[in-house]
Amino acid sequence: MSETRAHVYVSGTVQGVFFRATTKERAEAEGVDGWVRNLDDGRVEAVFEGRDEDVDAMVEWCHDGSPAATVESVDATYEDPVGRDGFEIRR
């Protein structure tokens, strides 16, 4: 099985709508490692590491996000994994 890493920026109404918490729950359910955090400019930044199909599922999920979110765009860059273990919400 091949593994990958996606570095993702999500724009829209994505802060204050449980986007980070829902991302963490979804990533753990998919078996994906990484982190998620709010940025000062109103976007959410996330890193997902794991099996190709699981990471792709997380990137696709970001297009909808949490039920209260309104996602305008998702920018994902794929990289080599660095060996993250677990998933965390960064402050």
N, C-alpha and C. Protein backbone atom coordinates (compact mmCIF):
# COMPACT_ATOMS: atom_id res chain seq x y z
N MET A 1 0.83 -1.18 0.00
CA MET A 1 0.00 0.00 0.00
C MET A 1 0.87 1.25 0.00
N SER A 2 0.51 2.18 -0.82
CA SER A 2 1.25 3.43 -0.94
C SER A 2 0.70 4.45 0.05
N GLU A 3 1.62 5.26 0.59
CA GLU A 3 1.22 6.31 1.53
C GLU A 3 1.60 7.67 0.99
N THR A 4 0.85 8.69 1.42
CA THR A 4 1.09 10.05 0.97
C THR A 4 0.79 11.04 2.09
N ARG A 5 1.05 12.30 1.79
CA ARG A 5 0.79 13.40 2.72
C ARG A 5 0.16 14.52 1.91
N ALA A 6 -0.92 15.10 2.42
CA ALA A 6 -1.55 16.24 1.78
C ALA A 6 -1.52 17.42 2.73
N HIS A 7 -1.07 18.56 2.23
CA HIS A 7 -1.07 19.81 2.98
C HIS A 7 -2.20 20.63 2.39
N VAL A 8 -3.21 20.95 3.22
CA VAL A 8 -4.47 21.49 2.72
C VAL A 8 -4.79 22.84 3.37
N TYR A 9 -5.30 23.76 2.54
CA TYR A 9 -5.82 25.04 3.01
C TYR A 9 -7.28 25.12 2.58
N VAL A 10 -8.16 25.40 3.55
CA VAL A 10 -9.60 25.45 3.28
C VAL A 10 -10.08 26.87 3.55
N SER A 11 -10.76 27.46 2.56
CA SER A 11 -11.27 28.83 2.67
C SER A 11 -12.79 28.82 2.71
N GLY A 12 -13.34 29.85 3.30
CA GLY A 12 -14.79 30.01 3.39
C GLY A 12 -15.16 30.31 4.83
N THR A 13 -16.38 29.95 5.21
CA THR A 13 -16.80 30.05 6.60
C THR A 13 -16.42 28.73 7.26
N VAL A 14 -15.18 28.68 7.75
CA VAL A 14 -14.63 27.43 8.27
C VAL A 14 -14.08 27.56 9.70
N GLN A 15 -14.22 28.75 10.28
CA GLN A 15 -13.82 28.93 11.68
C GLN A 15 -15.07 29.22 12.50
N GLY A 16 -15.10 28.68 13.71
CA GLY A 16 -16.25 28.87 14.58
C GLY A 16 -17.43 27.99 14.22
N VAL A 17 -17.18 26.96 13.41
CA VAL A 17 -18.25 26.07 12.95
C VAL A 17 -17.87 24.59 13.19
N PHE A 18 -16.98 24.36 14.16
CA PHE A 18 -16.53 23.02 14.55
C PHE A 18 -15.79 22.29 13.43
N PHE A 19 -15.18 23.05 12.51
CA PHE A 19 -14.44 22.43 11.41
C PHE A 19 -13.27 21.60 11.92
N ARG A 20 -12.49 22.17 12.84
CA ARG A 20 -11.31 21.45 13.35
C ARG A 20 -11.71 20.19 14.10
N ALA A 21 -12.69 20.28 14.98
CA ALA A 21 -13.11 19.11 15.76
C ALA A 21 -13.67 18.02 14.85
N THR A 22 -14.46 18.42 13.88
CA THR A 22 -15.05 17.45 12.96
C THR A 22 -13.97 16.83 12.08
N THR A 23 -12.98 17.63 11.68
CA THR A 23 -11.85 17.11 10.89
C THR A 23 -11.10 16.05 11.69
N LYS A 24 -10.84 16.33 12.95
CA LYS A 24 -10.14 15.36 13.81
C LYS A 24 -10.93 14.06 13.92
N GLU A 25 -12.22 14.16 14.17
CA GLU A 25 -13.06 12.96 14.28
C GLU A 25 -13.03 12.15 12.99
N ARG A 26 -13.16 12.84 11.86
CA ARG A 26 -13.18 12.16 10.57
C ARG A 26 -11.84 11.51 10.26
N ALA A 27 -10.75 12.24 10.53
CA ALA A 27 -9.41 11.70 10.28
C ALA A 27 -9.15 10.45 11.11
N GLU A 28 -9.54 10.49 12.38
CA GLU A 28 -9.35 9.31 13.23
C GLU A 28 -10.18 8.14 12.73
N ALA A 29 -11.40 8.40 12.25
CA ALA A 29 -12.24 7.33 11.71
C ALA A 29 -11.64 6.74 10.43
N GLU A 30 -10.96 7.58 9.64
CA GLU A 30 -10.33 7.12 8.39
C GLU A 30 -8.96 6.49 8.64
N GLY A 31 -8.43 6.64 9.87
CA GLY A 31 -7.09 6.12 10.16
C GLY A 31 -5.98 6.99 9.61
N VAL A 32 -6.26 8.30 9.52
CA VAL A 32 -5.30 9.25 8.96
C VAL A 32 -4.63 10.03 10.09
N ASP A 33 -3.32 10.21 9.98
CA ASP A 33 -2.56 10.98 10.95
C ASP A 33 -2.42 12.42 10.46
N GLY A 34 -2.02 13.33 11.37
CA GLY A 34 -1.77 14.70 10.96
C GLY A 34 -2.23 15.71 11.99
N TRP A 35 -2.63 16.89 11.50
CA TRP A 35 -3.06 17.97 12.38
C TRP A 35 -3.95 18.95 11.61
N VAL A 36 -4.63 19.80 12.37
CA VAL A 36 -5.49 20.85 11.80
C VAL A 36 -5.41 22.07 12.70
N ARG A 37 -5.47 23.27 12.08
CA ARG A 37 -5.43 24.51 12.89
C ARG A 37 -6.11 25.64 12.12
N ASN A 38 -6.57 26.64 12.88
CA ASN A 38 -7.09 27.87 12.31
C ASN A 38 -5.93 28.80 11.97
N LEU A 39 -6.08 29.55 10.89
CA LEU A 39 -5.10 30.57 10.53
C LEU A 39 -5.69 31.95 10.80
N ASP A 40 -4.82 32.93 11.00
CA ASP A 40 -5.27 34.29 11.30
C ASP A 40 -6.09 34.91 10.18
N ASP A 41 -5.91 34.42 8.95
CA ASP A 41 -6.63 35.00 7.81
C ASP A 41 -8.01 34.38 7.58
N GLY A 42 -8.46 33.52 8.52
CA GLY A 42 -9.79 32.92 8.43
C GLY A 42 -9.84 31.56 7.78
N ARG A 43 -8.72 31.11 7.23
CA ARG A 43 -8.68 29.77 6.63
C ARG A 43 -8.38 28.72 7.69
N VAL A 44 -8.56 27.47 7.31
CA VAL A 44 -8.13 26.33 8.12
C VAL A 44 -7.01 25.64 7.34
N GLU A 45 -5.95 25.26 8.05
CA GLU A 45 -4.83 24.54 7.48
C GLU A 45 -4.81 23.15 8.09
N ALA A 46 -4.56 22.13 7.27
CA ALA A 46 -4.50 20.77 7.77
C ALA A 46 -3.43 19.98 7.03
N VAL A 47 -2.91 18.97 7.70
CA VAL A 47 -1.99 18.00 7.10
C VAL A 47 -2.57 16.63 7.36
N PHE A 48 -2.67 15.83 6.30
CA PHE A 48 -3.16 14.46 6.40
C PHE A 48 -2.09 13.51 5.90
N GLU A 49 -1.81 12.46 6.67
CA GLU A 49 -0.86 11.43 6.25
C GLU A 49 -1.48 10.07 6.42
N GLY A 50 -1.26 9.20 5.44
CA GLY A 50 -1.76 7.84 5.53
C GLY A 50 -1.82 7.21 4.16
N ARG A 51 -2.61 6.14 4.06
CA ARG A 51 -2.77 5.46 2.78
C ARG A 51 -3.37 6.42 1.76
N ASP A 52 -2.94 6.29 0.52
CA ASP A 52 -3.38 7.20 -0.54
C ASP A 52 -4.89 7.42 -0.54
N GLU A 53 -5.64 6.32 -0.52
CA GLU A 53 -7.10 6.44 -0.63
C GLU A 53 -7.72 7.11 0.60
N ASP A 54 -7.12 6.92 1.77
CA ASP A 54 -7.64 7.54 2.99
C ASP A 54 -7.35 9.05 3.01
N VAL A 55 -6.15 9.42 2.57
CA VAL A 55 -5.80 10.84 2.49
C VAL A 55 -6.67 11.52 1.43
N ASP A 56 -6.86 10.87 0.29
CA ASP A 56 -7.74 11.43 -0.75
C ASP A 56 -9.16 11.63 -0.22
N ALA A 57 -9.63 10.69 0.60
CA ALA A 57 -10.97 10.81 1.17
C ALA A 57 -11.06 12.02 2.10
N MET A 58 -10.00 12.28 2.85
CA MET A 58 -10.00 13.45 3.74
C MET A 58 -9.98 14.75 2.95
N VAL A 59 -9.18 14.81 1.89
CA VAL A 59 -9.14 16.01 1.06
C VAL A 59 -10.51 16.25 0.43
N GLU A 60 -11.13 15.19 -0.05
CA GLU A 60 -12.47 15.31 -0.64
C GLU A 60 -13.48 15.76 0.42
N TRP A 61 -13.38 15.22 1.63
CA TRP A 61 -14.27 15.60 2.73
C TRP A 61 -14.17 17.10 3.02
N CYS A 62 -12.96 17.66 2.90
CA CYS A 62 -12.76 19.08 3.19
C CYS A 62 -13.60 19.99 2.29
N HIS A 63 -14.02 19.50 1.13
CA HIS A 63 -14.86 20.32 0.25
C HIS A 63 -16.24 20.59 0.85
N ASP A 64 -16.67 19.76 1.80
CA ASP A 64 -17.93 19.97 2.53
C ASP A 64 -17.66 20.38 3.96
N GLY A 65 -16.75 19.68 4.63
CA GLY A 65 -16.39 20.00 6.01
C GLY A 65 -17.50 19.73 7.00
N SER A 66 -17.46 20.43 8.10
CA SER A 66 -18.47 20.24 9.15
C SER A 66 -19.83 20.71 8.64
N PRO A 67 -20.91 20.24 9.25
CA PRO A 67 -22.25 20.60 8.78
C PRO A 67 -22.51 22.11 8.74
N ALA A 68 -21.92 22.89 9.64
CA ALA A 68 -22.17 24.32 9.68
C ALA A 68 -21.22 25.13 8.79
N ALA A 69 -20.23 24.48 8.18
CA ALA A 69 -19.24 25.18 7.35
C ALA A 69 -19.81 25.49 5.97
N THR A 70 -19.28 26.55 5.39
CA THR A 70 -19.51 26.88 3.98
C THR A 70 -18.14 26.98 3.33
N VAL A 71 -17.74 25.93 2.64
CA VAL A 71 -16.42 25.88 2.03
C VAL A 71 -16.45 26.54 0.66
N GLU A 72 -15.53 27.47 0.45
CA GLU A 72 -15.41 28.14 -0.84
C GLU A 72 -14.33 27.52 -1.71
N SER A 73 -13.21 27.11 -1.10
CA SER A 73 -12.15 26.48 -1.89
C SER A 73 -11.28 25.61 -1.00
N VAL A 74 -10.67 24.62 -1.65
CA VAL A 74 -9.73 23.71 -0.99
C VAL A 74 -8.50 23.63 -1.87
N ASP A 75 -7.35 23.96 -1.30
CA ASP A 75 -6.08 23.91 -2.02
C ASP A 75 -5.23 22.83 -1.36
N ALA A 76 -4.93 21.77 -2.11
CA ALA A 76 -4.16 20.65 -1.55
C ALA A 76 -2.88 20.45 -2.34
N THR A 77 -1.78 20.28 -1.61
CA THR A 77 -0.49 19.96 -2.20
C THR A 77 -0.05 18.62 -1.62
N TYR A 78 0.34 17.71 -2.51
CA TYR A 78 0.76 16.38 -2.06
C TYR A 78 2.28 16.33 -1.93
N GLU A 79 2.72 15.66 -0.85
CA GLU A 79 4.13 15.59 -0.50
C GLU A 79 4.46 14.18 -0.04
N ASP A 80 5.73 13.93 0.23
CA ASP A 80 6.14 12.67 0.84
C ASP A 80 5.78 12.70 2.32
N PRO A 81 5.28 11.58 2.87
CA PRO A 81 4.96 11.55 4.30
C PRO A 81 6.22 11.68 5.15
N VAL A 82 6.03 12.26 6.35
CA VAL A 82 7.16 12.43 7.27
C VAL A 82 7.02 11.57 8.52
N GLY A 83 5.95 10.79 8.61
CA GLY A 83 5.80 9.88 9.73
C GLY A 83 5.03 10.42 10.91
N ARG A 84 3.99 11.21 10.66
CA ARG A 84 3.13 11.69 11.75
C ARG A 84 2.48 10.49 12.43
N ASP A 85 2.20 10.66 13.73
CA ASP A 85 1.55 9.59 14.49
C ASP A 85 0.41 10.21 15.30
N GLY A 86 -0.81 9.86 14.96
CA GLY A 86 -1.97 10.44 15.63
C GLY A 86 -2.47 11.68 14.91
N PHE A 87 -3.55 12.25 15.42
CA PHE A 87 -4.10 13.45 14.81
C PHE A 87 -4.38 14.46 15.92
N GLU A 88 -3.95 15.70 15.72
CA GLU A 88 -4.12 16.72 16.76
C GLU A 88 -4.72 18.00 16.22
N ILE A 89 -5.38 18.71 17.10
CA ILE A 89 -5.85 20.07 16.81
C ILE A 89 -4.79 21.01 17.37
N ARG A 90 -4.21 21.81 16.50
CA ARG A 90 -3.20 22.78 16.92
C ARG A 90 -3.86 24.11 17.18
N ARG A 91 -3.29 24.84 18.08
CA ARG A 91 -3.81 26.18 18.42
C ARG A 91 -3.01 27.24 17.72
